[in-house]
C-alpha atoms as a PDB file:
ATOM      1  CA  MET A   1     -84.950 -57.355  13.312  1.00  0.00           C
ATOM      2  CA  PHE A   2     -84.513 -58.927   9.915  1.00  0.00           C
ATOM      3  CA  LEU A   3     -82.507 -61.562   8.189  1.00  0.00           C
ATOM      4  CA  LEU A   4     -80.796 -61.004   4.891  1.00  0.00           C
ATOM      5  CA  LEU A   5     -78.822 -63.511   2.887  1.00  0.00           C
ATOM      6  CA  HIS A   6     -76.271 -61.168   1.525  1.00  0.00           C
ATOM      7  CA  PRO A   7     -75.186 -61.465  -2.135  1.00  0.00           C
ATOM      8  CA  GLN A   8     -73.314 -58.702  -3.929  1.00  0.00           C
ATOM      9  CA  LYS A   9     -76.348 -56.728  -5.077  1.00  0.00           C
ATOM     10  CA  GLU A  10     -74.599 -53.424  -5.721  1.00  0.00           C
ATOM     11  CA  ILE A  11     -71.459 -52.646  -7.685  1.00  0.00           C
ATOM     12  CA  ASN A  12     -69.248 -51.253  -4.951  1.00  0.00           C
ATOM     13  CA  ASN A  13     -66.612 -48.903  -6.320  1.00  0.00           C
ATOM     14  CA  MET A  14     -64.295 -49.230  -3.319  1.00  0.00           C
ATOM     15  CA  ASN A  15     -61.326 -51.382  -4.150  1.00  0.00           C
ATOM     16  CA  ARG A  16     -60.478 -54.406  -2.038  1.00  0.00           C
ATOM     17  CA  GLN A  17     -57.548 -52.643  -0.359  1.00  0.00           C
ATOM     18  CA  ASP A  18     -59.815 -49.875   0.933  1.00  0.00           C
ATOM     19  CA  LYS A  19     -62.448 -52.354   2.124  1.00  0.00           C
ATOM     20  CA  GLU A  20     -59.881 -54.402   4.017  1.00  0.00           C
ATOM     21  CA  GLY A  21     -58.179 -51.294   5.393  1.00  0.00           C
ATOM     22  CA  LYS A  22     -61.502 -49.949   6.582  1.00  0.00           C
ATOM     23  CA  ALA A  23     -62.310 -53.215   8.335  1.00  0.00           C
ATOM     24  CA  MET A  24     -58.885 -53.225  10.003  1.00  0.00           C
ATOM     25  CA  LEU A  25     -59.233 -49.642  11.264  1.00  0.00           C
ATOM     26  CA  LEU A  26     -62.675 -50.412  12.689  1.00  0.00           C
ATOM     27  CA  GLU A  27     -61.243 -53.455  14.459  1.00  0.00           C
ATOM     28  CA  VAL A  28     -58.275 -51.550  15.899  1.00  0.00           C
ATOM     29  CA  GLN A  29     -60.458 -48.658  17.041  1.00  0.00           C
ATOM     30  CA  SER A  30     -62.688 -51.093  18.924  1.00  0.00           C
ATOM     31  CA  ILE A  31     -59.707 -52.437  20.908  1.00  0.00           C
ATOM     32  CA  PHE A  32     -59.529 -49.147  22.795  1.00  0.00           C
ATOM     33  CA  GLY A  33     -63.124 -49.560  23.869  1.00  0.00           C
ATOM     34  CA  LEU A  34     -62.480 -53.116  25.003  1.00  0.00           C
ATOM     35  CA  TYR A  35     -59.264 -52.222  26.865  1.00  0.00           C
ATOM     36  CA  PRO A  36     -59.800 -48.807  28.514  1.00  0.00           C
ATOM     37  CA  ASN A  37     -56.708 -49.351  30.683  1.00  0.00           C
ATOM     38  CA  ILE A  38     -54.550 -48.579  27.632  1.00  0.00           C
ATOM     39  CA  ALA A  39     -55.423 -44.896  28.022  1.00  0.00           C
ATOM     40  CA  THR A  40     -54.519 -45.001  31.727  1.00  0.00           C
ATOM     41  CA  GLN A  41     -51.232 -46.806  31.200  1.00  0.00           C
ATOM     42  CA  ARG A  42     -50.226 -44.796  28.149  1.00  0.00           C
ATOM     43  CA  PRO A  43     -51.938 -41.373  28.155  1.00  0.00           C
ATOM     44  CA  SER A  44     -50.138 -40.496  24.923  1.00  0.00           C
ATOM     45  CA  SER A  45     -52.326 -43.054  23.159  1.00  0.00           C
ATOM     46  CA  VAL A  46     -55.452 -40.961  23.697  1.00  0.00           C
ATOM     47  CA  GLY A  47     -54.567 -38.248  21.208  1.00  0.00           C
ATOM     48  CA  VAL A  48     -53.372 -40.705  18.598  1.00  0.00           C
ATOM     49  CA  MET A  49     -56.476 -42.863  18.879  1.00  0.00           C
ATOM     50  CA  GLY A  50     -58.604 -39.729  18.726  1.00  0.00           C
ATOM     51  CA  ALA A  51     -56.999 -38.948  15.374  1.00  0.00           C
ATOM     52  CA  VAL A  52     -57.503 -42.536  14.180  1.00  0.00           C
ATOM     53  CA  THR A  53     -61.129 -42.439  15.301  1.00  0.00           C
ATOM     54  CA  THR A  54     -61.620 -39.224  13.323  1.00  0.00           C
ATOM     55  CA  GLN A  55     -60.488 -41.032  10.177  1.00  0.00           C
ATOM     56  CA  VAL A  56     -62.785 -43.962  10.943  1.00  0.00           C
ATOM     57  CA  GLU A  57     -65.711 -41.578  11.401  1.00  0.00           C
ATOM     58  CA  LYS A  58     -64.898 -39.927   8.073  1.00  0.00           C
ATOM     59  CA  ILE A  59     -64.874 -43.353   6.401  1.00  0.00           C
ATOM     60  CA  ILE A  60     -68.275 -44.193   7.883  1.00  0.00           C
ATOM     61  CA  ALA A  61     -69.685 -40.790   6.910  1.00  0.00           C
ATOM     62  CA  ALA A  62     -68.410 -41.165   3.345  1.00  0.00           C
ATOM     63  CA  ALA A  63     -69.884 -44.666   3.122  1.00  0.00           C
ATOM     64  CA  VAL A  64     -73.256 -43.404   4.362  1.00  0.00           C
ATOM     65  CA  ALA A  65     -73.126 -40.466   1.947  1.00  0.00           C
ATOM     66  CA  ALA A  66     -72.404 -42.938  -0.806  1.00  0.00           C
ATOM     67  CA  GLY A  67     -75.555 -44.794   0.199  1.00  0.00           C
ATOM     68  CA  THR A  68     -73.637 -47.865   1.329  1.00  0.00           C
ATOM     69  CA  VAL A  69     -73.146 -49.579   4.658  1.00  0.00           C
ATOM     70  CA  ILE A  70     -69.808 -51.179   5.518  1.00  0.00           C
ATOM     71  CA  SER A  71     -70.814 -54.430   3.857  1.00  0.00           C
ATOM     72  CA  GLY A  72     -71.613 -52.654   0.600  1.00  0.00           C
ATOM     73  CA  ASP A  73     -75.399 -52.410   0.322  1.00  0.00           C
ATOM     74  CA  THR A  74     -77.474 -49.268   0.191  1.00  0.00           C
ATOM     75  CA  VAL A  75     -78.864 -48.586   3.663  1.00  0.00           C
ATOM     76  CA  ASN A  76     -82.424 -47.629   2.712  1.00  0.00           C
ATOM     77  CA  LYS A  77     -82.557 -50.016  -0.208  1.00  0.00           C
ATOM     78  CA  GLU A  78     -81.548 -52.935   2.001  1.00  0.00           C
ATOM     79  CA  ASN A  79     -84.350 -52.180   4.456  1.00  0.00           C
ATOM     80  CA  PHE A  80     -86.960 -51.751   1.711  1.00  0.00           C
ATOM     81  CA  PHE A  81     -85.743 -54.843  -0.122  1.00  0.00           C
ATOM     82  CA  THR A  82     -85.940 -57.078   2.936  1.00  0.00           C
ATOM     83  CA  SER A  83     -89.416 -55.891   3.900  1.00  0.00           C
ATOM     84  CA  LEU A  84     -90.653 -56.296   0.328  1.00  0.00           C
ATOM     85  CA  VAL A  85     -89.235 -59.799  -0.053  1.00  0.00           C
ATOM     86  CA  GLU A  86     -90.697 -60.953   3.257  1.00  0.00           C
ATOM     87  CA  ASP A  87     -94.167 -59.803   2.162  1.00  0.00           C
ATOM     88  CA  LEU A  88     -93.741 -61.337  -1.288  1.00  0.00           C
ATOM     89  CA  PHE A  89     -92.731 -64.560   0.464  1.00  0.00           C
ATOM     90  CA  LEU A  90     -95.867 -64.517   2.638  1.00  0.00           C
ATOM     91  CA  GLY A  91     -98.105 -64.022  -0.382  1.00  0.00           C
ATOM     92  CA  ALA A  92     -96.271 -66.616  -2.441  1.00  0.00           C
ATOM     93  CA  SER A  93     -96.417 -69.146   0.401  1.00  0.00           C
ATOM     94  CA  ALA A  94    -100.153 -68.621   0.872  1.00  0.00           C
ATOM     95  CA  THR A  95    -100.731 -69.003  -2.868  1.00  0.00           C
ATOM     96  CA  SER A  96     -98.552 -72.109  -2.942  1.00  0.00           C
ATOM     97  CA  GLY A  97    -100.653 -73.625  -0.171  1.00  0.00           C
ATOM     98  CA  PHE A  98    -103.852 -72.781  -2.016  1.00  0.00           C
ATOM     99  CA  ALA A  99    -102.491 -74.276  -5.246  1.00  0.00           C
ATOM    100  CA  SER A 100    -101.664 -77.512  -3.412  1.00  0.00           C
ATOM    101  CA  LYS A 101    -105.164 -78.237  -2.063  1.00  0.00           C
ATOM    102  CA  PRO A 102    -106.059 -81.929  -2.418  1.00  0.00           C
ATOM    103  CA  THR A 103    -108.467 -82.558  -5.323  1.00  0.00           C
ATOM    104  CA  PHE A 104    -107.884 -78.955  -6.394  1.00  0.00           C
ATOM    105  CA  GLU A 105    -104.188 -78.906  -7.250  1.00  0.00           C
ATOM    106  CA  GLN A 106    -102.972 -76.231  -9.659  1.00  0.00           C
ATOM    107  CA  PRO A 107     -99.412 -77.175 -10.618  1.00  0.00           C
ATOM    108  CA  ILE A 108     -98.934 -74.260 -13.001  1.00  0.00           C
ATOM    109  CA  LEU A 109     -99.908 -71.716 -10.344  1.00  0.00           C
ATOM    110  CA  LYS A 110     -97.767 -73.473  -7.741  1.00  0.00           C
ATOM    111  CA  ALA A 111     -94.730 -73.358 -10.002  1.00  0.00           C
ATOM    112  CA  LYS A 112     -95.094 -69.564 -10.233  1.00  0.00           C
ATOM    113  CA  VAL A 113     -94.922 -69.044  -6.458  1.00  0.00           C
ATOM    114  CA  ASP A 114     -93.040 -72.018  -5.018  1.00  0.00           C
ATOM    115  CA  PHE A 115     -89.903 -70.260  -3.745  1.00  0.00           C
ATOM    116  CA  SER A 116     -87.929 -70.483  -0.501  1.00  0.00           C
ATOM    117  CA  LEU A 117     -87.173 -67.343   1.484  1.00  0.00           C
ATOM    118  CA  SER A 118     -83.440 -67.782   0.935  1.00  0.00           C
ATOM    119  CA  HIS A 119     -84.014 -68.012  -2.830  1.00  0.00           C
ATOM    120  CA  MET A 120     -86.013 -64.787  -2.821  1.00  0.00           C
ATOM    121  CA  LEU A 121     -83.533 -62.921  -0.624  1.00  0.00           C
ATOM    122  CA  ASN A 122     -80.702 -63.853  -2.987  1.00  0.00           C
ATOM    123  CA  ILE A 123     -82.361 -62.218  -5.985  1.00  0.00           C
ATOM    124  CA  ASN A 124     -80.333 -59.297  -7.295  1.00  0.00           C
ATOM    125  CA  TYR A 125     -81.749 -55.820  -6.932  1.00  0.00           C
ATOM    126  CA  ASN A 126     -81.926 -55.339 -10.691  1.00  0.00           C
ATOM    127  CA  GLU A 127     -83.956 -58.563 -11.073  1.00  0.00           C
ATOM    128  CA  ILE A 128     -86.548 -58.004  -8.342  1.00  0.00           C
ATOM    129  CA  GLU A 129     -88.834 -55.827 -10.504  1.00  0.00           C
ATOM    130  CA  THR A 130     -89.531 -58.639 -12.950  1.00  0.00           C
ATOM    131  CA  PHE A 131     -89.581 -61.326 -10.268  1.00  0.00           C
ATOM    132  CA  GLY A 132     -91.862 -59.373  -7.923  1.00  0.00           C
ATOM    133  CA  THR A 133     -94.247 -58.451 -10.724  1.00  0.00           C
ATOM    134  CA  ASN A 134     -94.602 -62.115 -11.665  1.00  0.00           C
ATOM    135  CA  VAL A 135     -95.314 -63.130  -8.070  1.00  0.00           C
ATOM    136  CA  ILE A 136     -97.881 -60.356  -7.552  1.00  0.00           C
ATOM    137  CA  ASN A 137     -99.557 -61.235 -10.860  1.00  0.00           C
ATOM    138  CA  ALA A 138     -99.877 -64.831  -9.634  1.00  0.00           C
ATOM    139  CA  ILE A 139    -101.287 -63.806  -6.236  1.00  0.00           C
ATOM    140  CA  THR A 140    -103.781 -61.178  -7.404  1.00  0.00           C
ATOM    141  CA  PRO A 141    -106.373 -63.405  -9.179  1.00  0.00           C
ATOM    142  CA  VAL A 142    -106.681 -65.732  -6.161  1.00  0.00           C
ATOM    143  CA  ILE A 143    -106.383 -63.170  -3.350  1.00  0.00           C
ATOM    144  CA  GLY A 144    -109.967 -63.820  -2.249  1.00  0.00           C
ATOM    145  CA  SER A 145    -109.117 -67.473  -1.597  1.00  0.00           C
ATOM    146  CA  LEU A 146    -106.061 -66.884   0.582  1.00  0.00           C
ATOM    147  CA  THR A 147    -107.770 -65.860   3.827  1.00  0.00           C
ATOM    148  CA  ASP A 148    -107.483 -69.372   5.250  1.00  0.00           C
ATOM    149  CA  TYR A 149    -103.751 -69.179   4.589  1.00  0.00           C
ATOM    150  CA  GLY A 150    -103.309 -65.968   6.567  1.00  0.00           C
ATOM    151  CA  TYR A 151    -102.939 -63.621   3.604  1.00  0.00           C
ATOM    152  CA  LEU A 152    -105.559 -60.887   3.162  1.00  0.00           C
ATOM    153  CA  PRO A 153    -106.288 -58.295   0.461  1.00  0.00           C
ATOM    154  CA  ALA A 154    -104.805 -55.682   2.813  1.00  0.00           C
ATOM    155  CA  ASP A 155    -101.544 -57.641   2.779  1.00  0.00           C
ATOM    156  CA  LEU A 156    -101.423 -57.523  -1.008  1.00  0.00           C
ATOM    157  CA  THR A 157    -102.074 -53.772  -0.893  1.00  0.00           C
ATOM    158  CA  ARG A 158     -99.178 -53.337   1.518  1.00  0.00           C
ATOM    159  CA  THR A 159     -96.935 -55.460  -0.695  1.00  0.00           C
ATOM    160  CA  ASN A 160     -97.748 -53.324  -3.722  1.00  0.00           C
ATOM    161  CA  LEU A 161     -96.932 -50.155  -1.765  1.00  0.00           C
ATOM    162  CA  GLU A 162     -93.621 -51.610  -0.601  1.00  0.00           C
ATOM    163  CA  PHE A 163     -92.886 -52.642  -4.174  1.00  0.00           C
ATOM    164  CA  ALA A 164     -93.390 -49.050  -5.326  1.00  0.00           C
ATOM    165  CA  ASP A 165     -91.190 -47.726  -2.498  1.00  0.00           C
ATOM    166  CA  PHE A 166     -88.372 -50.082  -3.411  1.00  0.00           C
ATOM    167  CA  LEU A 167     -88.533 -49.303  -7.128  1.00  0.00           C
ATOM    168  CA  ALA A 168     -88.418 -45.578  -6.346  1.00  0.00           C
ATOM    169  CA  ILE A 169     -85.020 -46.194  -4.741  1.00  0.00           C
ATOM    170  CA  GLN A 170     -83.881 -48.759  -7.285  1.00  0.00           C
ATOM    171  CA  ASN A 171     -84.512 -46.456 -10.242  1.00  0.00           C
ATOM    172  CA  VAL A 172     -82.383 -43.583  -8.968  1.00  0.00           C
ATOM    173  CA  PRO A 173     -81.081 -41.011 -11.469  1.00  0.00           C
ATOM    174  CA  GLN A 174     -77.522 -41.184 -12.700  1.00  0.00           C
ATOM    175  CA  THR A 175     -76.674 -38.123 -10.583  1.00  0.00           C
ATOM    176  CA  ASP A 176     -77.117 -40.153  -7.408  1.00  0.00           C
ATOM    177  CA  ILE A 177     -75.003 -42.969  -8.833  1.00  0.00           C
ATOM    178  CA  THR A 178     -72.233 -40.475  -9.626  1.00  0.00           C
ATOM    179  CA  ASN A 179     -72.433 -39.068  -6.094  1.00  0.00           C
ATOM    180  CA  ARG A 180     -72.005 -42.560  -4.639  1.00  0.00           C
ATOM    181  CA  LYS A 181     -68.915 -43.153  -6.772  1.00  0.00           C
ATOM    182  CA  THR A 182     -67.474 -39.813  -5.636  1.00  0.00           C
ATOM    183  CA  GLN A 183     -68.008 -40.618  -1.968  1.00  0.00           C
ATOM    184  CA  ASN A 184     -66.466 -44.070  -2.405  1.00  0.00           C
ATOM    185  CA  SER A 185     -63.370 -42.480  -3.939  1.00  0.00           C
ATOM    186  CA  ASN A 186     -63.174 -40.118  -0.957  1.00  0.00           C
ATOM    187  CA  ILE A 187     -62.736 -43.083   1.383  1.00  0.00           C
ATOM    188  CA  HIS A 188     -59.228 -43.927   0.161  1.00  0.00           C
ATOM    189  CA  PRO A 189     -57.375 -40.940   1.707  1.00  0.00           C
ATOM    190  CA  PHE A 190     -59.107 -41.537   5.050  1.00  0.00           C
ATOM    191  CA  VAL A 191     -58.026 -45.190   5.062  1.00  0.00           C
ATOM    192  CA  LYS A 192     -54.495 -44.180   4.054  1.00  0.00           C
ATOM    193  CA  GLU A 193     -54.237 -41.581   6.822  1.00  0.00           C
ATOM    194  CA  GLY A 194     -55.610 -44.006   9.415  1.00  0.00           C
ATOM    195  CA  LYS A 195     -52.985 -46.572   8.457  1.00  0.00           C
ATOM    196  CA  ARG A 196     -50.223 -43.942   8.632  1.00  0.00           C
ATOM    197  CA  LEU A 197     -51.266 -42.954  12.150  1.00  0.00           C
ATOM    198  CA  LEU A 198     -51.111 -46.566  13.271  1.00  0.00           C
ATOM    199  CA  ASP A 199     -47.746 -47.217  11.594  1.00  0.00           C
ATOM    200  CA  GLU A 200     -46.001 -44.085  12.805  1.00  0.00           C
ATOM    201  CA  ALA A 201     -47.654 -43.204  16.102  1.00  0.00           C
ATOM    202  CA  MET A 202     -49.752 -45.982  17.648  1.00  0.00           C
ATOM    203  CA  ASP A 203     -47.605 -49.058  16.980  1.00  0.00           C
ATOM    204  CA  PRO A 204     -44.615 -47.681  18.966  1.00  0.00           C
ATOM    205  CA  ILE A 205     -46.891 -46.886  21.914  1.00  0.00           C
ATOM    206  CA  MET A 206     -48.509 -50.325  21.901  1.00  0.00           C
ATOM    207  CA  ASN A 207     -45.087 -51.968  21.670  1.00  0.00           C
ATOM    208  CA  THR A 208     -44.264 -50.581  25.122  1.00  0.00           C
ATOM    209  CA  LEU A 209     -47.195 -52.541  26.581  1.00  0.00           C
ATOM    210  CA  ILE A 210     -45.892 -55.969  25.600  1.00  0.00           C
ATOM    211  CA  LYS A 211     -45.090 -56.781  29.248  1.00  0.00           C
ATOM    212  CA  LEU A 212     -47.378 -54.396  31.133  1.00  0.00           C
ATOM    213  CA  ASN A 213     -50.593 -55.232  29.266  1.00  0.00           C
ATOM    214  CA  PRO A 214     -49.967 -58.361  27.152  1.00  0.00           C
ATOM    215  CA  ASP A 215     -53.685 -59.026  26.508  1.00  0.00           C
ATOM    216  CA  ALA A 216     -54.200 -55.582  25.000  1.00  0.00           C
ATOM    217  CA  PHE A 217     -50.922 -55.875  23.083  1.00  0.00           C
ATOM    218  CA  LYS A 218     -51.966 -59.175  21.505  1.00  0.00           C
ATOM    219  CA  ALA A 219     -55.502 -57.966  20.785  1.00  0.00           C
ATOM    220  CA  TYR A 220     -54.173 -54.821  19.120  1.00  0.00           C
ATOM    221  CA  TYR A 221     -51.826 -56.695  16.806  1.00  0.00           C
ATOM    222  CA  ASN A 222     -54.453 -59.306  15.992  1.00  0.00           C
ATOM    223  CA  ALA A 223     -56.661 -56.405  14.920  1.00  0.00           C
ATOM    224  CA  ARG A 224     -53.831 -54.874  12.891  1.00  0.00           C
ATOM    225  CA  VAL A 225     -53.688 -57.928  10.615  1.00  0.00           C
ATOM    226  CA  ILE A 226     -55.595 -57.601   7.349  1.00  0.00           C
ATOM    227  CA  HIS A 227     -57.190 -60.964   6.656  1.00  0.00           C
ATOM    228  CA  HIS A 228     -57.707 -62.110   3.094  1.00  0.00           C
ATOM    229  CA  PHE A 229     -60.563 -64.593   3.053  1.00  0.00           C
ATOM    230  CA  PRO A 230     -61.325 -66.356  -0.220  1.00  0.00           C
ATOM    231  CA  SER A 231     -64.654 -66.122  -1.982  1.00  0.00           C
ATOM    232  CA  GLY A 232     -67.030 -68.687  -0.545  1.00  0.00           C
ATOM    233  CA  THR A 233     -65.972 -68.160   3.082  1.00  0.00           C
ATOM    234  CA  THR A 234     -68.825 -68.729   5.536  1.00  0.00           C
ATOM    235  CA  VAL A 235     -69.565 -65.436   7.301  1.00  0.00           C
ATOM    236  CA  ALA A 236     -72.088 -64.258   9.897  1.00  0.00           C
ATOM    237  CA  GLU A 237     -72.404 -60.486   9.979  1.00  0.00           C
ATOM    238  CA  GLY A 238     -74.795 -57.599  10.544  1.00  0.00           C
ATOM    239  CA  PHE A 239     -75.425 -54.435  12.523  1.00  0.00           C
ATOM    240  CA  VAL A 240     -76.856 -53.524  15.917  1.00  0.00           C
ATOM    241  CA  TYR A 241     -78.940 -50.355  15.865  1.00  0.00           C
ATOM    242  CA  GLY A 242     -80.752 -48.284  18.450  1.00  0.00           C
ATOM    243  CA  PRO A 243     -84.565 -48.112  18.600  1.00  0.00           C
ATOM    244  CA  ASP A 244     -84.685 -45.752  15.598  1.00  0.00           C
ATOM    245  CA  GLY A 245     -83.163 -48.453  13.395  1.00  0.00           C
ATOM    246  CA  VAL A 246     -80.491 -46.003  12.235  1.00  0.00           C
ATOM    247  CA  THR A 247     -78.174 -45.105  15.135  1.00  0.00           C
ATOM    248  CA  PRO A 248     -75.356 -47.671  15.430  1.00  0.00           C
ATOM    249  CA  LEU A 249     -74.596 -49.115  18.862  1.00  0.00           C
ATOM    250  CA  TYR A 250     -70.897 -49.364  19.644  1.00  0.00           C
ATOM    251  CA  LEU A 251     -69.517 -52.297  21.689  1.00  0.00           C
ATOM    252  CA  ALA A 252     -72.830 -54.140  21.852  1.00  0.00           C
ATOM    253  CA  LEU A 253     -72.284 -57.838  22.539  1.00  0.00           C
ATOM    254  CA  VAL A 254     -73.496 -60.354  19.936  1.00  0.00           C
ATOM    255  CA  THR A 255     -73.435 -63.946  21.180  1.00  0.00           C
ATOM    256  CA  PHE A 256     -73.867 -67.125  19.155  1.00  0.00           C
ATOM    257  CA  PRO A 257     -74.549 -69.675  21.952  1.00  0.00           C
ATOM    258  CA  LEU A 258     -74.769 -72.744  19.713  1.00  0.00           C
ATOM    259  CA  GLN A 259     -71.311 -72.004  18.326  1.00  0.00           C
ATOM    260  CA  GLY A 260     -69.833 -70.620  21.552  1.00  0.00           C
ATOM    261  CA  LEU A 261     -68.845 -67.377  19.809  1.00  0.00           C
ATOM    262  CA  THR A 262     -69.098 -63.755  20.924  1.00  0.00           C
ATOM    263  CA  VAL A 263     -68.159 -60.511  19.215  1.00  0.00           C
ATOM    264  CA  ARG A 264     -68.458 -56.789  19.988  1.00  0.00           C
ATOM    265  CA  THR A 265     -69.819 -54.291  17.497  1.00  0.00           C
ATOM    266  CA  LYS A 266     -67.571 -51.697  15.921  1.00  0.00           C
ATOM    267  CA  LEU A 267     -68.001 -47.923  15.805  1.00  0.00           C
ATOM    268  CA  ASP A 268     -70.465 -48.242  12.927  1.00  0.00           C
ATOM    269  CA  GLY A 269     -72.529 -50.836  14.830  1.00  0.00           C
ATOM    270  CA  SER A 270     -71.274 -53.717  12.691  1.00  0.00           C
ATOM    271  CA  TYR A 271     -70.247 -57.188  13.739  1.00  0.00           C
ATOM    272  CA  ARG A 272     -68.630 -59.835  11.582  1.00  0.00           C
ATOM    273  CA  ILE A 273     -67.489 -63.404  12.198  1.00  0.00           C
ATOM    274  CA  PRO A 274     -65.629 -64.884   9.225  1.00  0.00           C
ATOM    275  CA  LEU A 275     -64.927 -68.607   9.068  1.00  0.00           C
ATOM    276  CA  PHE A 276     -68.235 -69.109  10.874  1.00  0.00           C
ATOM    277  CA  PRO A 277     -69.065 -72.779  11.574  1.00  0.00           C
ATOM    278  CA  HIS A 278     -72.045 -73.360   9.312  1.00  0.00           C
ATOM    279  CA  GLY A 279     -75.286 -74.552  10.845  1.00  0.00           C
ATOM    280  CA  VAL A 280     -78.236 -73.116  12.749  1.00  0.00           C
ATOM    281  CA  ALA A 281     -77.617 -69.755  14.446  1.00  0.00           C
ATOM    282  CA  THR A 282     -79.627 -68.032  17.187  1.00  0.00           C
ATOM    283  CA  PRO A 283     -77.573 -64.942  18.050  1.00  0.00           C
ATOM    284  CA  THR A 284     -78.501 -62.592  20.886  1.00  0.00           C
ATOM    285  CA  ALA A 285     -77.547 -58.899  21.032  1.00  0.00           C
ATOM    286  CA  THR A 286     -77.131 -57.302  24.464  1.00  0.00           C
ATOM    287  CA  MET A 287     -76.107 -53.860  25.657  1.00  0.00           C
ATOM    288  CA  THR A 288     -76.544 -51.823  28.818  1.00  0.00           C
ATOM    289  CA  ASP A 289     -79.851 -49.893  28.954  1.00  0.00           C
ATOM    290  CA  PHE A 290     -81.397 -52.015  26.197  1.00  0.00           C
ATOM    291  CA  ASN A 291     -83.524 -55.153  26.215  1.00  0.00           C
ATOM    292  CA  PRO A 292     -81.738 -58.245  24.880  1.00  0.00           C
ATOM    293  CA  GLN A 293     -82.783 -59.204  21.353  1.00  0.00           C
ATOM    294  CA  THR A 294     -82.594 -62.820  20.179  1.00  0.00           C
ATOM    295  CA  ALA A 295     -82.908 -63.755  16.532  1.00  0.00           C
ATOM    296  CA  THR A 296     -85.315 -66.358  15.288  1.00  0.00           C
ATOM    297  CA  PRO A 297     -83.181 -69.427  14.446  1.00  0.00           C
ATOM    298  CA  TYR A 298     -81.772 -69.269  10.943  1.00  0.00           C
ATOM    299  CA  GLU A 299     -79.359 -71.351   8.914  1.00  0.00           C
ATOM    300  CA  VAL A 300     -75.868 -70.251   7.971  1.00  0.00           C
ATOM    301  CA  LYS A 301     -75.041 -72.375   4.958  1.00  0.00           C
ATOM    302  CA  GLN A 302     -71.480 -73.274   4.133  1.00  0.00           C
ATOM    303  CA  GLY A 303     -69.814 -70.719   1.885  1.00  0.00           C
ATOM    304  CA  LYS A 304     -72.570 -68.103   2.331  1.00  0.00           C
ATOM    305  CA  ILE A 305     -72.575 -64.650   3.892  1.00  0.00           C
ATOM    306  CA  VAL A 306     -75.580 -64.300   6.210  1.00  0.00           C
ATOM    307  CA  HIS A 307     -76.523 -60.793   7.310  1.00  0.00           C
ATOM    308  CA  HIS A 308     -78.707 -60.263  10.400  1.00  0.00           C
ATOM    309  CA  ASN A 309     -79.453 -56.871  11.913  1.00  0.00           C
ATOM    310  CA  PHE A 310     -80.712 -56.154  15.406  1.00  0.00           C
ATOM    311  CA  ILE A 311     -82.870 -53.187  16.382  1.00  0.00           C
ATOM    312  CA  MET A 312     -82.725 -52.757  20.138  1.00  0.00           C
ATOM    313  CA  THR A 313     -85.450 -51.440  22.429  1.00  0.00           C
ATOM    314  CA  THR A 314     -84.843 -49.385  25.538  1.00  0.00           C
ATOM    315  CA  ILE A 315     -85.563 -50.853  28.968  1.00  0.00           C
END
């Protein structure tokens, strides 16, 4: 599991309409997992939702091929970035402690490494090379003095290796960038076709359930609404993956007990709660056949997007 404060690190070539349409289709598709009685009450819905699901799967596949997850970051780069920053944070914290020793204070050294985790996680991808180099250069001369602070030479070696791994992804050739743009452009027709299927085929079917299955009817049309949230909206989001850290888990339950909120993951394993009440969060992910996973408490600051992924383990 890892926590990522989620700025816009990548230029995402999908326009806002496609992003919002994609989110809406994922939400609608999930309704049919939450209300399986729709298929029993209206068998004709099965074929239509199968066609909609095909478009959703194509959107997800195109996003993965483009190197982006639904929220817009590169899948591998996000993982490497988070691991690198956490290790940089450990080394910087140990060095900061060393530089603050009574009677042995080193204010210049401390200033080079005195960063919060949230600060470091909000650094843009294209700035981390310079930032990380400066932190490592500050740690290296005093590495032998950091044992009492829980940071060993082996930790610095690991950090340097992770740094190299991240930069290998960061400095991709232009060909890969072009491929990502192409895949992003491919998403539009899938979103358009998914919307057409809902407008022309699924909406009329769901309308016939207004009396027979009012809960499903209301849930469906709530999902059909495309919400436009302004910049600065407080959001809690992330993904729930299987033990391999790659396979998305569909309809996993993510609970925020302190806020009294629950949400199910979509087909791509994502969950998202916009207009999240800011404060401390300790979400738990649960799903049949997997051990529950509870996040270490973290703060969701007002106006920020906080991204937390879960990697489940089998029972």
